[in-house]
Amino acid sequence: MNNTMIYNGYTARVEFDPRDNIFVGRVLGITDSISFHGETVADLTEDFHQAVEHYLADCKVTGRAAEKPASGKLMLRVPPEVHAAAAIAAQASGKSLNQWASEALAQAAHA
């Protein structure tokens, strides 16, 4: 079972709550809290879309920027030997370290 949903650039994790017999979801990757629920997949999907739209509208009304799940900038701290090995692997493949790391992260994230 795929336990994620995506809408308007926001990804949510969904779980089934057997006690209440409903699906519950929470948007990932932002510090603001966006949660939703539904008894059926259709209800869950509709509530997810409404929750994201409500969040975006609330941000606009209150004059604050809506958080996006990721900016595209990532700072990592790795051991020096990992950094060196990654740099060598990138050079060997004819890529920049950024290109090589981006491809490696994408492959790992979608595995």
PDB file of N, CA and C in Angstrom:
ATOM      1  N   MET A   1       0.847  -1.186   0.000  1.00  0.00           N
ATOM      2  CA  MET A   1       0.000   0.000   0.000  1.00  0.00           C
ATOM      3  C   MET A   1       0.881   1.234   0.000  1.00  0.00           C
ATOM      4  N   ASN A   2       0.618   2.176  -0.882  1.00  0.00           N
ATOM      5  CA  ASN A   2       1.316   3.446  -0.908  1.00  0.00           C
ATOM      6  C   ASN A   2       0.690   4.329   0.161  1.00  0.00           C
ATOM      7  N   ASN A   3       1.491   4.808   1.080  1.00  0.00           N
ATOM      8  CA  ASN A   3       0.928   5.581   2.181  1.00  0.00           C
ATOM      9  C   ASN A   3       1.233   7.065   2.080  1.00  0.00           C
ATOM     10  N   THR A   4       1.453   7.556   0.855  1.00  0.00           N
ATOM     11  CA  THR A   4       1.643   8.984   0.658  1.00  0.00           C
ATOM     12  C   THR A   4       0.687   9.497  -0.404  1.00  0.00           C
ATOM     13  N   MET A   5       0.384  10.790  -0.282  1.00  0.00           N
ATOM     14  CA  MET A   5      -0.453  11.483  -1.257  1.00  0.00           C
ATOM     15  C   MET A   5       0.255  12.788  -1.594  1.00  0.00           C
ATOM     16  N   ILE A   6       0.088  13.271  -2.809  1.00  0.00           N
ATOM     17  CA  ILE A   6       0.703  14.535  -3.216  1.00  0.00           C
ATOM     18  C   ILE A   6      -0.378  15.434  -3.795  1.00  0.00           C
ATOM     19  N   TYR A   7      -0.350  16.689  -3.363  1.00  0.00           N
ATOM     20  CA  TYR A   7      -1.269  17.685  -3.908  1.00  0.00           C
ATOM     21  C   TYR A   7      -0.595  19.047  -3.878  1.00  0.00           C
ATOM     22  N   ASN A   8      -0.570  19.723  -4.998  1.00  0.00           N
ATOM     23  CA  ASN A   8      -0.068  21.090  -5.105  1.00  0.00           C
ATOM     24  C   ASN A   8       1.353  21.236  -4.539  1.00  0.00           C
ATOM     25  N   GLY A   9       2.167  20.203  -4.725  1.00  0.00           N
ATOM     26  CA  GLY A   9       3.550  20.245  -4.254  1.00  0.00           C
ATOM     27  C   GLY A   9       3.740  19.794  -2.820  1.00  0.00           C
ATOM     28  N   TYR A  10       2.682  19.471  -2.122  1.00  0.00           N
ATOM     29  CA  TYR A  10       2.754  19.018  -0.728  1.00  0.00           C
ATOM     30  C   TYR A  10       2.538  17.511  -0.674  1.00  0.00           C
ATOM     31  N   THR A  11       3.390  16.838   0.084  1.00  0.00           N
ATOM     32  CA  THR A  11       3.288  15.390   0.251  1.00  0.00           C
ATOM     33  C   THR A  11       2.819  15.087   1.656  1.00  0.00           C
ATOM     34  N   ALA A  12       1.887  14.165   1.772  1.00  0.00           N
ATOM     35  CA  ALA A  12       1.349  13.787   3.080  1.00  0.00           C
ATOM     36  C   ALA A  12       1.502  12.288   3.299  1.00  0.00           C
ATOM     37  N   ARG A  13       1.724  11.932   4.527  1.00  0.00           N
ATOM     38  CA  ARG A  13       1.748  10.526   4.930  1.00  0.00           C
ATOM     39  C   ARG A  13       0.364  10.177   5.474  1.00  0.00           C
ATOM     40  N   VAL A  14      -0.152   9.031   5.058  1.00  0.00           N
ATOM     41  CA  VAL A  14      -1.484   8.598   5.452  1.00  0.00           C
ATOM     42  C   VAL A  14      -1.387   7.288   6.222  1.00  0.00           C
ATOM     43  N   GLU A  15      -2.159   7.194   7.280  1.00  0.00           N
ATOM     44  CA  GLU A  15      -2.242   5.960   8.075  1.00  0.00           C
ATOM     45  C   GLU A  15      -3.709   5.661   8.358  1.00  0.00           C
ATOM     46  N   PHE A  16      -3.982   4.417   8.643  1.00  0.00           N
ATOM     47  CA  PHE A  16      -5.334   4.020   9.020  1.00  0.00           C
ATOM     48  C   PHE A  16      -5.407   3.924  10.528  1.00  0.00           C
ATOM     49  N   ASP A  17      -6.411   4.555  11.109  1.00  0.00           N
ATOM     50  CA  ASP A  17      -6.634   4.502  12.553  1.00  0.00           C
ATOM     51  C   ASP A  17      -7.766   3.506  12.811  1.00  0.00           C
ATOM     52  N   PRO A  18      -7.421   2.276  13.215  1.00  0.00           N
ATOM     53  CA  PRO A  18      -8.458   1.255  13.390  1.00  0.00           C
ATOM     54  C   PRO A  18      -9.404   1.553  14.552  1.00  0.00           C
ATOM     55  N   ARG A  19      -8.940   2.320  15.522  1.00  0.00           N
ATOM     56  CA  ARG A  19      -9.794   2.649  16.669  1.00  0.00           C
ATOM     57  C   ARG A  19     -10.978   3.505  16.230  1.00  0.00           C
ATOM     58  N   ASP A  20     -10.695   4.505  15.385  1.00  0.00           N
ATOM     59  CA  ASP A  20     -11.752   5.393  14.912  1.00  0.00           C
ATOM     60  C   ASP A  20     -12.274   5.007  13.524  1.00  0.00           C
ATOM     61  N   ASN A  21     -11.633   3.994  12.906  1.00  0.00           N
ATOM     62  CA  ASN A  21     -12.031   3.500  11.597  1.00  0.00           C
ATOM     63  C   ASN A  21     -11.982   4.596  10.523  1.00  0.00           C
ATOM     64  N   ILE A  22     -10.893   5.376  10.554  1.00  0.00           N
ATOM     65  CA  ILE A  22     -10.708   6.435   9.565  1.00  0.00           C
ATOM     66  C   ILE A  22      -9.253   6.468   9.098  1.00  0.00           C
ATOM     67  N   PHE A  23      -9.049   7.088   7.958  1.00  0.00           N
ATOM     68  CA  PHE A  23      -7.712   7.385   7.480  1.00  0.00           C
ATOM     69  C   PHE A  23      -7.334   8.765   8.009  1.00  0.00           C
ATOM     70  N   VAL A  24      -6.093   8.913   8.446  1.00  0.00           N
ATOM     71  CA  VAL A  24      -5.605  10.206   8.908  1.00  0.00           C
ATOM     72  C   VAL A  24      -4.311  10.529   8.168  1.00  0.00           C
ATOM     73  N   GLY A  25      -4.113  11.794   7.888  1.00  0.00           N
ATOM     74  CA  GLY A  25      -2.926  12.196   7.163  1.00  0.00           C
ATOM     75  C   GLY A  25      -2.320  13.457   7.733  1.00  0.00           C
ATOM     76  N   ARG A  26      -1.024  13.632   7.443  1.00  0.00           N
ATOM     77  CA  ARG A  26      -0.291  14.815   7.884  1.00  0.00           C
ATOM     78  C   ARG A  26       0.718  15.169   6.801  1.00  0.00           C
ATOM     79  N   VAL A  27       0.778  16.457   6.460  1.00  0.00           N
ATOM     80  CA  VAL A  27       1.713  16.927   5.444  1.00  0.00           C
ATOM     81  C   VAL A  27       3.129  16.866   6.002  1.00  0.00           C
ATOM     82  N   LEU A  28       4.045  16.381   5.185  1.00  0.00           N
ATOM     83  CA  LEU A  28       5.440  16.214   5.567  1.00  0.00           C
ATOM     84  C   LEU A  28       6.296  17.350   5.019  1.00  0.00           C
ATOM     85  N   GLY A  29       7.437  17.574   5.652  1.00  0.00           N
ATOM     86  CA  GLY A  29       8.446  18.467   5.110  1.00  0.00           C
ATOM     87  C   GLY A  29       8.281  19.937   5.432  1.00  0.00           C
ATOM     88  N   ILE A  30       7.307  20.295   6.260  1.00  0.00           N
ATOM     89  CA  ILE A  30       7.147  21.680   6.687  1.00  0.00           C
ATOM     90  C   ILE A  30       6.942  21.708   8.196  1.00  0.00           C
ATOM     91  N   THR A  31       7.239  22.851   8.816  1.00  0.00           N
ATOM     92  CA  THR A  31       7.066  22.943  10.270  1.00  0.00           C
ATOM     93  C   THR A  31       5.633  23.270  10.655  1.00  0.00           C
ATOM     94  N   ASP A  32       4.893  23.950   9.756  1.00  0.00           N
ATOM     95  CA  ASP A  32       3.479  24.191  10.024  1.00  0.00           C
ATOM     96  C   ASP A  32       2.748  22.852  10.009  1.00  0.00           C
ATOM     97  N   SER A  33       1.634  22.796  10.699  1.00  0.00           N
ATOM     98  CA  SER A  33       0.893  21.542  10.794  1.00  0.00           C
ATOM     99  C   SER A  33      -0.327  21.566   9.873  1.00  0.00           C
ATOM    100  N   ILE A  34      -0.343  20.635   8.949  1.00  0.00           N
ATOM    101  CA  ILE A  34      -1.507  20.440   8.085  1.00  0.00           C
ATOM    102  C   ILE A  34      -1.914  18.980   8.228  1.00  0.00           C
ATOM    103  N   SER A  35      -3.087  18.760   8.802  1.00  0.00           N
ATOM    104  CA  SER A  35      -3.565  17.387   8.973  1.00  0.00           C
ATOM    105  C   SER A  35      -4.983  17.292   8.422  1.00  0.00           C
ATOM    106  N   PHE A  36      -5.408  16.056   8.175  1.00  0.00           N
ATOM    107  CA  PHE A  36      -6.707  15.819   7.555  1.00  0.00           C
ATOM    108  C   PHE A  36      -7.117  14.382   7.823  1.00  0.00           C
ATOM    109  N   HIS A  37      -8.388  14.066   7.528  1.00  0.00           N
ATOM    110  CA  HIS A  37      -8.866  12.695   7.726  1.00  0.00           C
ATOM    111  C   HIS A  37     -10.053  12.418   6.817  1.00  0.00           C
ATOM    112  N   GLY A  38     -10.405  11.145   6.715  1.00  0.00           N
ATOM    113  CA  GLY A  38     -11.569  10.741   5.943  1.00  0.00           C
ATOM    114  C   GLY A  38     -11.888   9.275   6.165  1.00  0.00           C
ATOM    115  N   GLU A  39     -13.155   8.947   6.018  1.00  0.00           N
ATOM    116  CA  GLU A  39     -13.583   7.556   6.191  1.00  0.00           C
ATOM    117  C   GLU A  39     -13.318   6.720   4.946  1.00  0.00           C
ATOM    118  N   THR A  40     -13.299   7.356   3.790  1.00  0.00           N
ATOM    119  CA  THR A  40     -13.014   6.665   2.537  1.00  0.00           C
ATOM    120  C   THR A  40     -11.830   7.354   1.854  1.00  0.00           C
ATOM    121  N   VAL A  41     -11.279   6.710   0.849  1.00  0.00           N
ATOM    122  CA  VAL A  41     -10.176   7.313   0.111  1.00  0.00           C
ATOM    123  C   VAL A  41     -10.650   8.604  -0.557  1.00  0.00           C
ATOM    124  N   ALA A  42     -11.860   8.610  -1.085  1.00  0.00           N
ATOM    125  CA  ALA A  42     -12.401   9.819  -1.715  1.00  0.00           C
ATOM    126  C   ALA A  42     -12.533  10.946  -0.690  1.00  0.00           C
ATOM    127  N   ASP A  43     -13.050  10.629   0.491  1.00  0.00           N
ATOM    128  CA  ASP A  43     -13.169  11.632   1.557  1.00  0.00           C
ATOM    129  C   ASP A  43     -11.791  12.145   1.978  1.00  0.00           C
ATOM    130  N   LEU A  44     -10.868  11.221   2.112  1.00  0.00           N
ATOM    131  CA  LEU A  44      -9.503  11.568   2.520  1.00  0.00           C
ATOM    132  C   LEU A  44      -8.864  12.504   1.498  1.00  0.00           C
ATOM    133  N   THR A  45      -8.994  12.161   0.226  1.00  0.00           N
ATOM    134  CA  THR A  45      -8.417  12.983  -0.841  1.00  0.00           C
ATOM    135  C   THR A  45      -9.031  14.373  -0.847  1.00  0.00           C
ATOM    136  N   GLU A  46     -10.330  14.455  -0.728  1.00  0.00           N
ATOM    137  CA  GLU A  46     -11.009  15.760  -0.714  1.00  0.00           C
ATOM    138  C   GLU A  46     -10.566  16.586   0.491  1.00  0.00           C
ATOM    139  N   ASP A  47     -10.493  15.960   1.658  1.00  0.00           N
ATOM    140  CA  ASP A  47     -10.094  16.690   2.864  1.00  0.00           C
ATOM    141  C   ASP A  47      -8.635  17.138   2.782  1.00  0.00           C
ATOM    142  N   PHE A  48      -7.782  16.324   2.164  1.00  0.00           N
ATOM    143  CA  PHE A  48      -6.380  16.696   1.963  1.00  0.00           C
ATOM    144  C   PHE A  48      -6.302  17.949   1.099  1.00  0.00           C
ATOM    145  N   HIS A  49      -7.004  17.944  -0.020  1.00  0.00           N
ATOM    146  CA  HIS A  49      -6.989  19.099  -0.917  1.00  0.00           C
ATOM    147  C   HIS A  49      -7.525  20.343  -0.208  1.00  0.00           C
ATOM    148  N   GLN A  50      -8.611  20.185   0.523  1.00  0.00           N
ATOM    149  CA  GLN A  50      -9.187  21.311   1.255  1.00  0.00           C
ATOM    150  C   GLN A  50      -8.241  21.824   2.339  1.00  0.00           C
ATOM    151  N   ALA A  51      -7.542  20.921   3.015  1.00  0.00           N
ATOM    152  CA  ALA A  51      -6.614  21.331   4.076  1.00  0.00           C
ATOM    153  C   ALA A  51      -5.457  22.144   3.501  1.00  0.00           C
ATOM    154  N   VAL A  52      -4.920  21.715   2.370  1.00  0.00           N
ATOM    155  CA  VAL A  52      -3.825  22.457   1.742  1.00  0.00           C
ATOM    156  C   VAL A  52      -4.326  23.818   1.260  1.00  0.00           C
ATOM    157  N   GLU A  53      -5.486  23.848   0.614  1.00  0.00           N
ATOM    158  CA  GLU A  53      -6.044  25.109   0.127  1.00  0.00           C
ATOM    159  C   GLU A  53      -6.339  26.058   1.295  1.00  0.00           C
ATOM    160  N   HIS A  54      -6.848  25.521   2.396  1.00  0.00           N
ATOM    161  CA  HIS A  54      -7.109  26.342   3.592  1.00  0.00           C
ATOM    162  C   HIS A  54      -5.807  26.908   4.141  1.00  0.00           C
ATOM    163  N   TYR A  55      -4.779  26.103   4.197  1.00  0.00           N
ATOM    164  CA  TYR A  55      -3.467  26.553   4.670  1.00  0.00           C
ATOM    165  C   TYR A  55      -2.941  27.692   3.802  1.00  0.00           C
ATOM    166  N   LEU A  56      -3.007  27.525   2.490  1.00  0.00           N
ATOM    167  CA  LEU A  56      -2.514  28.554   1.574  1.00  0.00           C
ATOM    168  C   LEU A  56      -3.324  29.841   1.699  1.00  0.00           C
ATOM    169  N   ALA A  57      -4.640  29.707   1.817  1.00  0.00           N
ATOM    170  CA  ALA A  57      -5.502  30.886   1.974  1.00  0.00           C
ATOM    171  C   ALA A  57      -5.226  31.581   3.302  1.00  0.00           C
ATOM    172  N   ASP A  58      -5.037  30.806   4.366  1.00  0.00           N
ATOM    173  CA  ASP A  58      -4.750  31.382   5.683  1.00  0.00           C
ATOM    174  C   ASP A  58      -3.426  32.144   5.665  1.00  0.00           C
ATOM    175  N   CYS A  59      -2.435  31.584   5.012  1.00  0.00           N
ATOM    176  CA  CYS A  59      -1.146  32.268   4.894  1.00  0.00           C
ATOM    177  C   CYS A  59      -1.301  33.588   4.157  1.00  0.00           C
ATOM    178  N   LYS A  60      -2.098  33.586   3.109  1.00  0.00           N
ATOM    179  CA  LYS A  60      -2.305  34.811   2.332  1.00  0.00           C
ATOM    180  C   LYS A  60      -3.018  35.872   3.164  1.00  0.00           C
ATOM    181  N   VAL A  61      -4.070  35.472   3.878  1.00  0.00           N
ATOM    182  CA  VAL A  61      -4.842  36.410   4.698  1.00  0.00           C
ATOM    183  C   VAL A  61      -3.993  37.000   5.826  1.00  0.00           C
ATOM    184  N   THR A  62      -3.140  36.172   6.432  1.00  0.00           N
ATOM    185  CA  THR A  62      -2.324  36.636   7.556  1.00  0.00           C
ATOM    186  C   THR A  62      -1.021  37.281   7.104  1.00  0.00           C
ATOM    187  N   GLY A  63      -0.757  37.287   5.801  1.00  0.00           N
ATOM    188  CA  GLY A  63       0.421  37.957   5.275  1.00  0.00           C
ATOM    189  C   GLY A  63       1.731  37.231   5.506  1.00  0.00           C
ATOM    190  N   ARG A  64       1.665  35.942   5.708  1.00  0.00           N
ATOM    191  CA  ARG A  64       2.913  35.190   5.876  1.00  0.00           C
ATOM    192  C   ARG A  64       3.113  34.264   4.686  1.00  0.00           C
ATOM    193  N   ALA A  65       4.356  33.969   4.427  1.00  0.00           N
ATOM    194  CA  ALA A  65       4.682  33.102   3.300  1.00  0.00           C
ATOM    195  C   ALA A  65       4.350  31.657   3.646  1.00  0.00           C
ATOM    196  N   ALA A  66       3.677  30.990   2.723  1.00  0.00           N
ATOM    197  CA  ALA A  66       3.388  29.561   2.911  1.00  0.00           C
ATOM    198  C   ALA A  66       4.705  28.792   2.800  1.00  0.00           C
ATOM    199  N   GLU A  67       4.885  27.856   3.709  1.00  0.00           N
ATOM    200  CA  GLU A  67       6.090  27.023   3.645  1.00  0.00           C
ATOM    201  C   GLU A  67       5.993  26.095   2.448  1.00  0.00           C
ATOM    202  N   LYS A  68       7.106  25.911   1.796  1.00  0.00           N
ATOM    203  CA  LYS A  68       7.209  24.925   0.732  1.00  0.00           C
ATOM    204  C   LYS A  68       7.996  23.748   1.288  1.00  0.00           C
ATOM    205  N   PRO A  69       7.693  22.549   0.826  1.00  0.00           N
ATOM    206  CA  PRO A  69       8.361  21.371   1.373  1.00  0.00           C
ATOM    207  C   PRO A  69       9.883  21.377   1.252  1.00  0.00           C
ATOM    208  N   ALA A  70      10.434  22.032   0.250  1.00  0.00           N
ATOM    209  CA  ALA A  70      11.886  22.065   0.107  1.00  0.00           C
ATOM    210  C   ALA A  70      12.282  23.235  -0.781  1.00  0.00           C
ATOM    211  N   SER A  71      13.427  23.811  -0.479  1.00  0.00           N
ATOM    212  CA  SER A  71      13.909  24.955  -1.242  1.00  0.00           C
ATOM    213  C   SER A  71      14.801  24.542  -2.405  1.00  0.00           C
ATOM    214  N   GLY A  72      15.328  23.325  -2.352  1.00  0.00           N
ATOM    215  CA  GLY A  72      16.287  22.893  -3.357  1.00  0.00           C
ATOM    216  C   GLY A  72      17.719  23.061  -2.892  1.00  0.00           C
ATOM    217  N   LYS A  73      17.889  23.647  -1.711  1.00  0.00           N
ATOM    218  CA  LYS A  73      19.229  23.799  -1.140  1.00  0.00           C
ATOM    219  C   LYS A  73      19.355  22.816   0.013  1.00  0.00           C
ATOM    220  N   LEU A  74      20.474  22.110   0.053  1.00  0.00           N
ATOM    221  CA  LEU A  74      20.673  21.088   1.063  1.00  0.00           C
ATOM    222  C   LEU A  74      22.114  21.128   1.541  1.00  0.00           C
ATOM    223  N   MET A  75      22.302  21.304   2.844  1.00  0.00           N
ATOM    224  CA  MET A  75      23.646  21.274   3.401  1.00  0.00           C
ATOM    225  C   MET A  75      23.783  19.970   4.186  1.00  0.00           C
ATOM    226  N   LEU A  76      24.832  19.243   3.885  1.00  0.00           N
ATOM    227  CA  LEU A  76      25.075  17.974   4.565  1.00  0.00           C
ATOM    228  C   LEU A  76      26.401  18.025   5.298  1.00  0.00           C
ATOM    229  N   ARG A  77      26.468  17.352   6.414  1.00  0.00           N
ATOM    230  CA  ARG A  77      27.734  17.148   7.111  1.00  0.00           C
ATOM    231  C   ARG A  77      28.027  15.656   7.048  1.00  0.00           C
ATOM    232  N   VAL A  78      29.123  15.324   6.401  1.00  0.00           N
ATOM    233  CA  VAL A  78      29.526  13.930   6.251  1.00  0.00           C
ATOM    234  C   VAL A  78      30.979  13.799   6.681  1.00  0.00           C
ATOM    235  N   PRO A  79      31.408  12.608   7.031  1.00  0.00           N
ATOM    236  CA  PRO A  79      32.817  12.403   7.364  1.00  0.00           C
ATOM    237  C   PRO A  79      33.706  12.774   6.169  1.00  0.00           C
ATOM    238  N   PRO A  80      34.900  13.302   6.427  1.00  0.00           N
ATOM    239  CA  PRO A  80      35.796  13.715   5.337  1.00  0.00           C
ATOM    240  C   PRO A  80      36.067  12.616   4.321  1.00  0.00           C
ATOM    241  N   GLU A  81      36.161  11.368   4.777  1.00  0.00           N
ATOM    242  CA  GLU A  81      36.441  10.282   3.828  1.00  0.00           C
ATOM    243  C   GLU A  81      35.254  10.033   2.888  1.00  0.00           C
ATOM    244  N   VAL A  82      34.039  10.263   3.377  1.00  0.00           N
ATOM    245  CA  VAL A  82      32.862  10.132   2.510  1.00  0.00           C
ATOM    246  C   VAL A  82      32.844  11.272   1.501  1.00  0.00           C
ATOM    247  N   HIS A  83      33.153  12.471   1.963  1.00  0.00           N
ATOM    248  CA  HIS A  83      33.212  13.636   1.076  1.00  0.00           C
ATOM    249  C   HIS A  83      34.234  13.396  -0.036  1.00  0.00           C
ATOM    250  N   ALA A  84      35.416  12.922   0.335  1.00  0.00           N
ATOM    251  CA  ALA A  84      36.476  12.668  -0.648  1.00  0.00           C
ATOM    252  C   ALA A  84      36.058  11.589  -1.647  1.00  0.00           C
ATOM    253  N   ALA A  85      35.469  10.497  -1.144  1.00  0.00           N
ATOM    254  CA  ALA A  85      35.049   9.410  -2.028  1.00  0.00           C
ATOM    255  C   ALA A  85      33.959   9.885  -2.985  1.00  0.00           C
ATOM    256  N   ALA A  86      33.028  10.698  -2.497  1.00  0.00           N
ATOM    257  CA  ALA A  86      31.959  11.220  -3.352  1.00  0.00           C
ATOM    258  C   ALA A  86      32.541  12.151  -4.413  1.00  0.00           C
ATOM    259  N   ALA A  87      33.477  13.000  -4.037  1.00  0.00           N
ATOM    260  CA  ALA A  87      34.098  13.912  -4.996  1.00  0.00           C
ATOM    261  C   ALA A  87      34.829  13.135  -6.089  1.00  0.00           C
ATOM    262  N   ILE A  88      35.519  12.074  -5.704  1.00  0.00           N
ATOM    263  CA  ILE A  88      36.234  11.246  -6.689  1.00  0.00           C
ATOM    264  C   ILE A  88      35.242  10.534  -7.606  1.00  0.00           C
ATOM    265  N   ALA A  89      34.176  10.000  -7.029  1.00  0.00           N
ATOM    266  CA  ALA A  89      33.159   9.323  -7.844  1.00  0.00           C
ATOM    267  C   ALA A  89      32.514  10.298  -8.824  1.00  0.00           C
ATOM    268  N   ALA A  90      32.265  11.519  -8.380  1.00  0.00           N
ATOM    269  CA  ALA A  90      31.681  12.530  -9.260  1.00  0.00           C
ATOM    270  C   ALA A  90      32.632  12.862 -10.405  1.00  0.00           C
ATOM    271  N   GLN A  91      33.905  13.098 -10.072  1.00  0.00           N
ATOM    272  CA  GLN A  91      34.888  13.407 -11.101  1.00  0.00           C
ATOM    273  C   GLN A  91      35.033  12.256 -12.095  1.00  0.00           C
ATOM    274  N   ALA A  92      35.035  11.034 -11.577  1.00  0.00           N
ATOM    275  CA  ALA A  92      35.190   9.858 -12.435  1.00  0.00           C
ATOM    276  C   ALA A  92      34.017   9.721 -13.402  1.00  0.00           C
ATOM    277  N   SER A  93      32.844  10.189 -12.978  1.00  0.00           N
ATOM    278  CA  SER A  93      31.669  10.091 -13.855  1.00  0.00           C
ATOM    279  C   SER A  93      31.499  11.330 -14.729  1.00  0.00           C
ATOM    280  N   GLY A  94      32.436  12.287 -14.599  1.00  0.00           N
ATOM    281  CA  GLY A  94      32.375  13.492 -15.424  1.00  0.00           C
ATOM    282  C   GLY A  94      31.317  14.485 -14.979  1.00  0.00           C
ATOM    283  N   LYS A  95      30.960  14.430 -13.710  1.00  0.00           N
ATOM    284  CA  LYS A  95      29.915  15.308 -13.181  1.00  0.00           C
ATOM    285  C   LYS A  95      30.464  16.150 -12.046  1.00  0.00           C
ATOM    286  N   SER A  96      29.757  17.232 -11.757  1.00  0.00           N
ATOM    287  CA  SER A  96      30.096  18.013 -10.570  1.00  0.00           C
ATOM    288  C   SER A  96      29.623  17.217  -9.354  1.00  0.00           C
ATOM    289  N   LEU A  97      30.179  17.536  -8.203  1.00  0.00           N
ATOM    290  CA  LEU A  97      29.738  16.858  -6.977  1.00  0.00           C
ATOM    291  C   LEU A  97      28.258  17.111  -6.750  1.00  0.00           C
ATOM    292  N   ASN A  98      27.791  18.312  -7.049  1.00  0.00           N
ATOM    293  CA  ASN A  98      26.373  18.634  -6.882  1.00  0.00           C
ATOM    294  C   ASN A  98      25.499  17.764  -7.786  1.00  0.00           C
ATOM    295  N   GLN A  99      25.869  17.643  -9.072  1.00  0.00           N
ATOM    296  CA  GLN A  99      25.096  16.805  -9.995  1.00  0.00           C
ATOM    297  C   GLN A  99      25.095  15.347  -9.537  1.00  0.00           C
ATOM    298  N   TRP A 100      26.275  14.850  -9.171  1.00  0.00           N
ATOM    299  CA  TRP A 100      26.407  13.460  -8.753  1.00  0.00           C
ATOM    300  C   TRP A 100      25.577  13.190  -7.493  1.00  0.00           C
ATOM    301  N   ALA A 101      25.690  14.079  -6.500  1.00  0.00           N
ATOM    302  CA  ALA A 101      24.951  13.896  -5.242  1.00  0.00           C
ATOM    303  C   ALA A 101      23.444  13.998  -5.474  1.00  0.00           C
ATOM    304  N   SER A 102      23.027  14.920  -6.326  1.00  0.00           N
ATOM    305  CA  SER A 102      21.607  15.069  -6.624  1.00  0.00           C
ATOM    306  C   SER A 102      21.042  13.787  -7.233  1.00  0.00           C
ATOM    307  N   GLU A 103      21.786  13.197  -8.167  1.00  0.00           N
ATOM    308  CA  GLU A 103      21.340  11.944  -8.786  1.00  0.00           C
ATOM    309  C   GLU A 103      21.324  10.798  -7.783  1.00  0.00           C
ATOM    310  N   ALA A 104      22.350  10.733  -6.924  1.00  0.00           N
ATOM    311  CA  ALA A 104      22.411   9.665  -5.914  1.00  0.00           C
ATOM    312  C   ALA A 104      21.264   9.799  -4.918  1.00  0.00           C
ATOM    313  N   LEU A 105      20.978  11.015  -4.488  1.00  0.00           N
ATOM    314  CA  LEU A 105      19.859  11.230  -3.547  1.00  0.00           C
ATOM    315  C   LEU A 105      18.529  10.898  -4.201  1.00  0.00           C
ATOM    316  N   ALA A 106      18.353  11.299  -5.449  1.00  0.00           N
ATOM    317  CA  ALA A 106      17.109  11.008  -6.157  1.00  0.00           C
ATOM    318  C   ALA A 106      16.893   9.502  -6.293  1.00  0.00           C
ATOM    319  N   GLN A 107      17.966   8.794  -6.645  1.00  0.00           N
ATOM    320  CA  GLN A 107      17.874   7.342  -6.790  1.00  0.00           C
ATOM    321  C   GLN A 107      17.525   6.690  -5.447  1.00  0.00           C
ATOM    322  N   ALA A 108      18.175   7.129  -4.382  1.00  0.00           N
ATOM    323  CA  ALA A 108      17.910   6.557  -3.056  1.00  0.00           C
ATOM    324  C   ALA A 108      16.502   6.895  -2.568  1.00  0.00           C
ATOM    325  N   ALA A 109      16.056   8.102  -2.836  1.00  0.00           N
ATOM    326  CA  ALA A 109      14.728   8.529  -2.373  1.00  0.00           C
ATOM    327  C   ALA A 109      13.596   7.801  -3.090  1.00  0.00           C
ATOM    328  N   HIS A 110      13.851   7.370  -4.311  1.00  0.00           N
ATOM    329  CA  HIS A 110      12.813   6.696  -5.085  1.00  0.00           C
ATOM    330  C   HIS A 110      12.957   5.186  -5.111  1.00  0.00           C
ATOM    331  N   ALA A 111      13.916   4.666  -4.338  1.00  0.00           N
ATOM    332  CA  ALA A 111      14.140   3.218  -4.307  1.00  0.00           C
ATOM    333  C   ALA A 111      13.069   2.525  -3.497  1.00  0.00           C
TER     334      ALA A 111
END
